[in-house]
Structure formats: structure tokens, C-alpha cells
């Protein structure tokens, strides 16, 4: 089992269960420290290949995932893997799409949907989840089919 994220490292979101997930913006340099063992990338175009296992969800900037069922499945996989892997969730800037995905992971971890955006804004970034439709997506996440 790999060493998990340092909970004090930049971008690391501690979930209530103790799982740790790193959020980041791909337009910034890779942070110092260990590399992810799994990455979930939320972009409107396919990202470059990563030297670790990864999954891509087509998710245009300021929008919602193109395939919500596939996004839900990928988010569940990321949450499952965060129990034993260094999971990274990233988009271009690391705020809107990444924050939305992190809020969904918080819901999977037991945070009530009505509190998930505030949880991520408090524990990850005050600018997370940028648009009204991203907030609605989070609020309705538990009802999206897996």
C-alpha cells in the first residue's frame, strides 16, 4: 500500500472518514512530494498521458460533465480508491470542476448534499464550485444513477 497524502499538504482535502484526496489545477506545476497513484481529470479535451493510472471525464470549463452517469461512476471509483491510494482530482484551474467533484466525493463520504459545497469551501478552497449549475449538480449528486 502506498503512503497516502500528507494531510497538511497544499490541496489535500480530508474527508470525514479519514480518506485524503488532492485537488489541483493542471495549469500549475505538479506539487512537490509524492505523485498520485490515481488521477481523475476533468477537462473538455483529453489530457496528456500521466505516468500514473488515470481516468478522464469530458467536463468543459464552467459546465457539467458531458456524461453524468460516467462521471458518477468515476467519482465513486476515486472515492473507493482514496481508501488506499493517493487520488488526485484536477481540472485546468483547480476550483470549479475540481471543487464540484470534491464536493461529490464528500457526499459519498457521508457529508449531506446540502452541506457538501460549504465543506469543500471550508477544507479545500473558498473559491471551489464556481457556478450555480455546479452547485445544483452537487445538491442532486446522490440521485444521479451510478
C-alpha atoms as a PDB file:
ATOM      1  CA  UNK A   1       0.000   0.000   0.000  1.00  0.00           C
ATOM      2  CA  UNK A   2       1.440   3.419  -0.895  1.00  0.00           C
ATOM      3  CA  UNK A   3       1.971   6.128   1.671  1.00  0.00           C
ATOM      4  CA  UNK A   4      -1.086   8.368   1.490  1.00  0.00           C
ATOM      5  CA  UNK A   5      -1.122  12.149   1.111  1.00  0.00           C
ATOM      6  CA  UNK A   6       0.213  14.397   3.845  1.00  0.00           C
ATOM      7  CA  UNK A   7      -2.983  15.954   5.259  1.00  0.00           C
ATOM      8  CA  UNK A   8      -1.188  19.303   5.682  1.00  0.00           C
ATOM      9  CA  UNK A   9      -0.033  19.445   2.035  1.00  0.00           C
ATOM     10  CA  UNK A  10      -1.482  22.067  -0.289  1.00  0.00           C
ATOM     11  CA  UNK A  11      -4.697  20.991  -1.988  1.00  0.00           C
ATOM     12  CA  UNK A  12      -5.311  17.922   0.174  1.00  0.00           C
ATOM     13  CA  UNK A  13      -8.944  17.576   1.243  1.00  0.00           C
ATOM     14  CA  UNK A  14      -9.514  15.460   4.346  1.00  0.00           C
ATOM     15  CA  UNK A  15     -12.857  13.679   4.127  1.00  0.00           C
ATOM     16  CA  UNK A  16     -14.788  12.821   7.304  1.00  0.00           C
ATOM     17  CA  UNK A  17     -13.844   9.119   7.038  1.00  0.00           C
ATOM     18  CA  UNK A  18     -10.141   9.996   7.045  1.00  0.00           C
ATOM     19  CA  UNK A  19      -9.694   9.500   3.309  1.00  0.00           C
ATOM     20  CA  UNK A  20      -7.441  12.135   1.748  1.00  0.00           C
ATOM     21  CA  UNK A  21      -7.872  13.422  -1.808  1.00  0.00           C
ATOM     22  CA  UNK A  22      -5.712  16.032  -3.503  1.00  0.00           C
ATOM     23  CA  UNK A  23      -7.317  18.645  -5.725  1.00  0.00           C
ATOM     24  CA  UNK A  24      -5.252  20.790  -8.058  1.00  0.00           C
ATOM     25  CA  UNK A  25      -5.170  22.883 -11.195  1.00  0.00           C
ATOM     26  CA  UNK A  26      -3.359  21.326 -14.124  1.00  0.00           C
ATOM     27  CA  UNK A  27      -2.195  24.745 -15.330  1.00  0.00           C
ATOM     28  CA  UNK A  28       0.060  24.905 -12.276  1.00  0.00           C
ATOM     29  CA  UNK A  29       3.237  22.855 -11.777  1.00  0.00           C
ATOM     30  CA  UNK A  30       2.960  19.462 -10.153  1.00  0.00           C
ATOM     31  CA  UNK A  31       3.293  19.967  -6.379  1.00  0.00           C
ATOM     32  CA  UNK A  32       6.376  18.699  -4.594  1.00  0.00           C
ATOM     33  CA  UNK A  33       6.113  15.401  -2.804  1.00  0.00           C
ATOM     34  CA  UNK A  34       4.781  12.030  -3.851  1.00  0.00           C
ATOM     35  CA  UNK A  35       2.977  11.578  -7.137  1.00  0.00           C
ATOM     36  CA  UNK A  36      -0.604  10.355  -7.317  1.00  0.00           C
ATOM     37  CA  UNK A  37      -1.236   6.669  -7.784  1.00  0.00           C
ATOM     38  CA  UNK A  38      -4.563   7.508  -9.476  1.00  0.00           C
ATOM     39  CA  UNK A  39      -5.754  10.699 -11.136  1.00  0.00           C
ATOM     40  CA  UNK A  40      -9.239  11.773 -12.168  1.00  0.00           C
ATOM     41  CA  UNK A  41      -9.024  14.540 -14.759  1.00  0.00           C
ATOM     42  CA  UNK A  42     -11.983  16.771 -15.565  1.00  0.00           C
ATOM     43  CA  UNK A  43     -11.370  18.539 -18.855  1.00  0.00           C
ATOM     44  CA  UNK A  44     -13.152  19.376 -22.095  1.00  0.00           C
ATOM     45  CA  UNK A  45     -10.356  17.630 -24.021  1.00  0.00           C
ATOM     46  CA  UNK A  46      -8.336  14.503 -23.363  1.00  0.00           C
ATOM     47  CA  UNK A  47      -5.386  15.264 -21.064  1.00  0.00           C
ATOM     48  CA  UNK A  48      -1.816  14.233 -21.847  1.00  0.00           C
ATOM     49  CA  UNK A  49      -0.844  10.791 -20.601  1.00  0.00           C
ATOM     50  CA  UNK A  50       0.162  10.686 -16.943  1.00  0.00           C
ATOM     51  CA  UNK A  51       2.869   8.385 -15.534  1.00  0.00           C
ATOM     52  CA  UNK A  52       0.262   7.003 -13.080  1.00  0.00           C
ATOM     53  CA  UNK A  53      -3.089   5.367 -13.620  1.00  0.00           C
ATOM     54  CA  UNK A  54      -5.729   7.907 -14.580  1.00  0.00           C
ATOM     55  CA  UNK A  55      -9.229   8.403 -15.865  1.00  0.00           C
ATOM     56  CA  UNK A  56     -10.613  11.288 -17.922  1.00  0.00           C
ATOM     57  CA  UNK A  57     -14.127  12.681 -17.739  1.00  0.00           C
ATOM     58  CA  UNK A  58     -15.150  15.081 -20.510  1.00  0.00           C
ATOM     59  CA  UNK A  59     -16.161  18.127 -18.494  1.00  0.00           C
ATOM     60  CA  UNK A  60     -15.913  21.523 -20.251  1.00  0.00           C
ATOM     61  CA  UNK A  61     -14.831  24.545 -18.199  1.00  0.00           C
ATOM     62  CA  UNK A  62     -17.661  26.203 -16.202  1.00  0.00           C
ATOM     63  CA  UNK A  63     -20.020  23.397 -17.234  1.00  0.00           C
ATOM     64  CA  UNK A  64     -21.127  19.971 -16.072  1.00  0.00           C
ATOM     65  CA  UNK A  65     -19.870  16.537 -17.133  1.00  0.00           C
ATOM     66  CA  UNK A  66     -20.891  15.549 -20.650  1.00  0.00           C
ATOM     67  CA  UNK A  67     -21.909  12.078 -19.406  1.00  0.00           C
ATOM     68  CA  UNK A  68     -23.261  12.306 -15.873  1.00  0.00           C
ATOM     69  CA  UNK A  69     -23.567   8.560 -15.351  1.00  0.00           C
ATOM     70  CA  UNK A  70     -19.913   8.057 -16.372  1.00  0.00           C
ATOM     71  CA  UNK A  71     -18.894  10.933 -14.088  1.00  0.00           C
ATOM     72  CA  UNK A  72     -20.782   9.390 -11.185  1.00  0.00           C
ATOM     73  CA  UNK A  73     -19.054   6.048 -11.804  1.00  0.00           C
ATOM     74  CA  UNK A  74     -15.618   7.717 -11.996  1.00  0.00           C
ATOM     75  CA  UNK A  75     -16.246   9.697  -8.799  1.00  0.00           C
ATOM     76  CA  UNK A  76     -17.277   6.525  -6.974  1.00  0.00           C
ATOM     77  CA  UNK A  77     -14.101   4.831  -8.212  1.00  0.00           C
ATOM     78  CA  UNK A  78     -11.983   7.768  -6.997  1.00  0.00           C
ATOM     79  CA  UNK A  79     -13.679   7.690  -3.593  1.00  0.00           C
ATOM     80  CA  UNK A  80     -13.170   3.907  -3.288  1.00  0.00           C
ATOM     81  CA  UNK A  81      -9.522   4.191  -4.292  1.00  0.00           C
ATOM     82  CA  UNK A  82      -8.858   7.046  -1.846  1.00  0.00           C
ATOM     83  CA  UNK A  83      -9.065   4.500   0.976  1.00  0.00           C
ATOM     84  CA  UNK A  84      -5.713   3.028  -0.101  1.00  0.00           C
ATOM     85  CA  UNK A  85      -4.292   5.179  -2.940  1.00  0.00           C
ATOM     86  CA  UNK A  86      -3.077   8.739  -3.458  1.00  0.00           C
ATOM     87  CA  UNK A  87      -6.004  10.059  -5.500  1.00  0.00           C
ATOM     88  CA  UNK A  88      -5.755  13.364  -7.314  1.00  0.00           C
ATOM     89  CA  UNK A  89      -8.738  15.196  -8.828  1.00  0.00           C
ATOM     90  CA  UNK A  90      -7.853  18.005 -11.203  1.00  0.00           C
ATOM     91  CA  UNK A  91      -9.147  20.373 -13.864  1.00  0.00           C
ATOM     92  CA  UNK A  92      -7.496  23.366 -15.510  1.00  0.00           C
ATOM     93  CA  UNK A  93      -7.717  25.821 -12.629  1.00  0.00           C
ATOM     94  CA  UNK A  94      -8.476  23.505  -9.719  1.00  0.00           C
ATOM     95  CA  UNK A  95     -11.554  25.381  -8.483  1.00  0.00           C
ATOM     96  CA  UNK A  96     -14.852  24.876 -10.317  1.00  0.00           C
ATOM     97  CA  UNK A  97     -14.838  21.370 -11.751  1.00  0.00           C
ATOM     98  CA  UNK A  98     -12.365  20.091  -9.169  1.00  0.00           C
ATOM     99  CA  UNK A  99     -14.344  21.657  -6.316  1.00  0.00           C
ATOM    100  CA  UNK A 100     -17.572  20.205  -7.704  1.00  0.00           C
ATOM    101  CA  UNK A 101     -16.019  16.734  -7.906  1.00  0.00           C
ATOM    102  CA  UNK A 102     -14.562  17.042  -4.397  1.00  0.00           C
ATOM    103  CA  UNK A 103     -17.995  18.034  -3.063  1.00  0.00           C
ATOM    104  CA  UNK A 104     -19.417  14.886  -4.677  1.00  0.00           C
ATOM    105  CA  UNK A 105     -16.685  12.817  -3.013  1.00  0.00           C
ATOM    106  CA  UNK A 106     -17.630  14.440   0.299  1.00  0.00           C
ATOM    107  CA  UNK A 107     -21.238  13.309  -0.264  1.00  0.00           C
ATOM    108  CA  UNK A 108     -20.043   9.766  -0.945  1.00  0.00           C
ATOM    109  CA  UNK A 109     -18.118  10.030   2.334  1.00  0.00           C
ATOM    110  CA  UNK A 110     -21.237  10.964   4.302  1.00  0.00           C
ATOM    111  CA  UNK A 111     -21.468  14.766   4.110  1.00  0.00           C
ATOM    112  CA  UNK A 112     -25.123  15.735   3.495  1.00  0.00           C
ATOM    113  CA  UNK A 113     -25.610  17.099  -0.058  1.00  0.00           C
ATOM    114  CA  UNK A 114     -26.860  20.433   1.328  1.00  0.00           C
ATOM    115  CA  UNK A 115     -23.554  20.862   3.219  1.00  0.00           C
ATOM    116  CA  UNK A 116     -21.068  19.496   0.670  1.00  0.00           C
ATOM    117  CA  UNK A 117     -20.184  22.771  -1.096  1.00  0.00           C
ATOM    118  CA  UNK A 118     -19.610  24.538   2.228  1.00  0.00           C
ATOM    119  CA  UNK A 119     -17.494  21.595   3.415  1.00  0.00           C
ATOM    120  CA  UNK A 120     -15.217  21.792   0.365  1.00  0.00           C
ATOM    121  CA  UNK A 121     -15.013  25.590   0.542  1.00  0.00           C
ATOM    122  CA  UNK A 122     -14.018  25.334   4.204  1.00  0.00           C
ATOM    123  CA  UNK A 123     -11.496  22.473   3.853  1.00  0.00           C
ATOM    124  CA  UNK A 124     -10.131  22.905   0.300  1.00  0.00           C
ATOM    125  CA  UNK A 125     -10.724  26.339  -1.276  1.00  0.00           C
ATOM    126  CA  UNK A 126     -13.140  29.177  -0.619  1.00  0.00           C
ATOM    127  CA  UNK A 127     -13.466  29.549  -4.420  1.00  0.00           C
ATOM    128  CA  UNK A 128     -14.461  25.918  -5.050  1.00  0.00           C
ATOM    129  CA  UNK A 129     -17.645  25.192  -7.033  1.00  0.00           C
ATOM    130  CA  UNK A 130     -17.915  28.270  -9.238  1.00  0.00           C
ATOM    131  CA  UNK A 131     -21.324  28.249 -10.921  1.00  0.00           C
ATOM    132  CA  UNK A 132     -24.970  27.884  -9.876  1.00  0.00           C
ATOM    133  CA  UNK A 133     -25.333  24.761 -12.039  1.00  0.00           C
ATOM    134  CA  UNK A 134     -22.278  23.199 -10.409  1.00  0.00           C
ATOM    135  CA  UNK A 135     -23.908  23.830  -7.004  1.00  0.00           C
ATOM    136  CA  UNK A 136     -27.146  22.216  -8.260  1.00  0.00           C
ATOM    137  CA  UNK A 137     -25.169  19.248  -9.607  1.00  0.00           C
ATOM    138  CA  UNK A 138     -23.683  18.702  -6.139  1.00  0.00           C
ATOM    139  CA  UNK A 139     -27.074  19.046  -4.445  1.00  0.00           C
ATOM    140  CA  UNK A 140     -28.550  16.426  -6.772  1.00  0.00           C
ATOM    141  CA  UNK A 141     -25.498  14.148  -6.867  1.00  0.00           C
ATOM    142  CA  UNK A 142     -26.939  11.454  -4.631  1.00  0.00           C
ATOM    143  CA  UNK A 143     -29.806  10.982  -7.079  1.00  0.00           C
ATOM    144  CA  UNK A 144     -27.590  10.548 -10.171  1.00  0.00           C
ATOM    145  CA  UNK A 145     -27.537   6.888 -11.262  1.00  0.00           C
ATOM    146  CA  UNK A 146     -24.306   5.014 -10.677  1.00  0.00           C
END
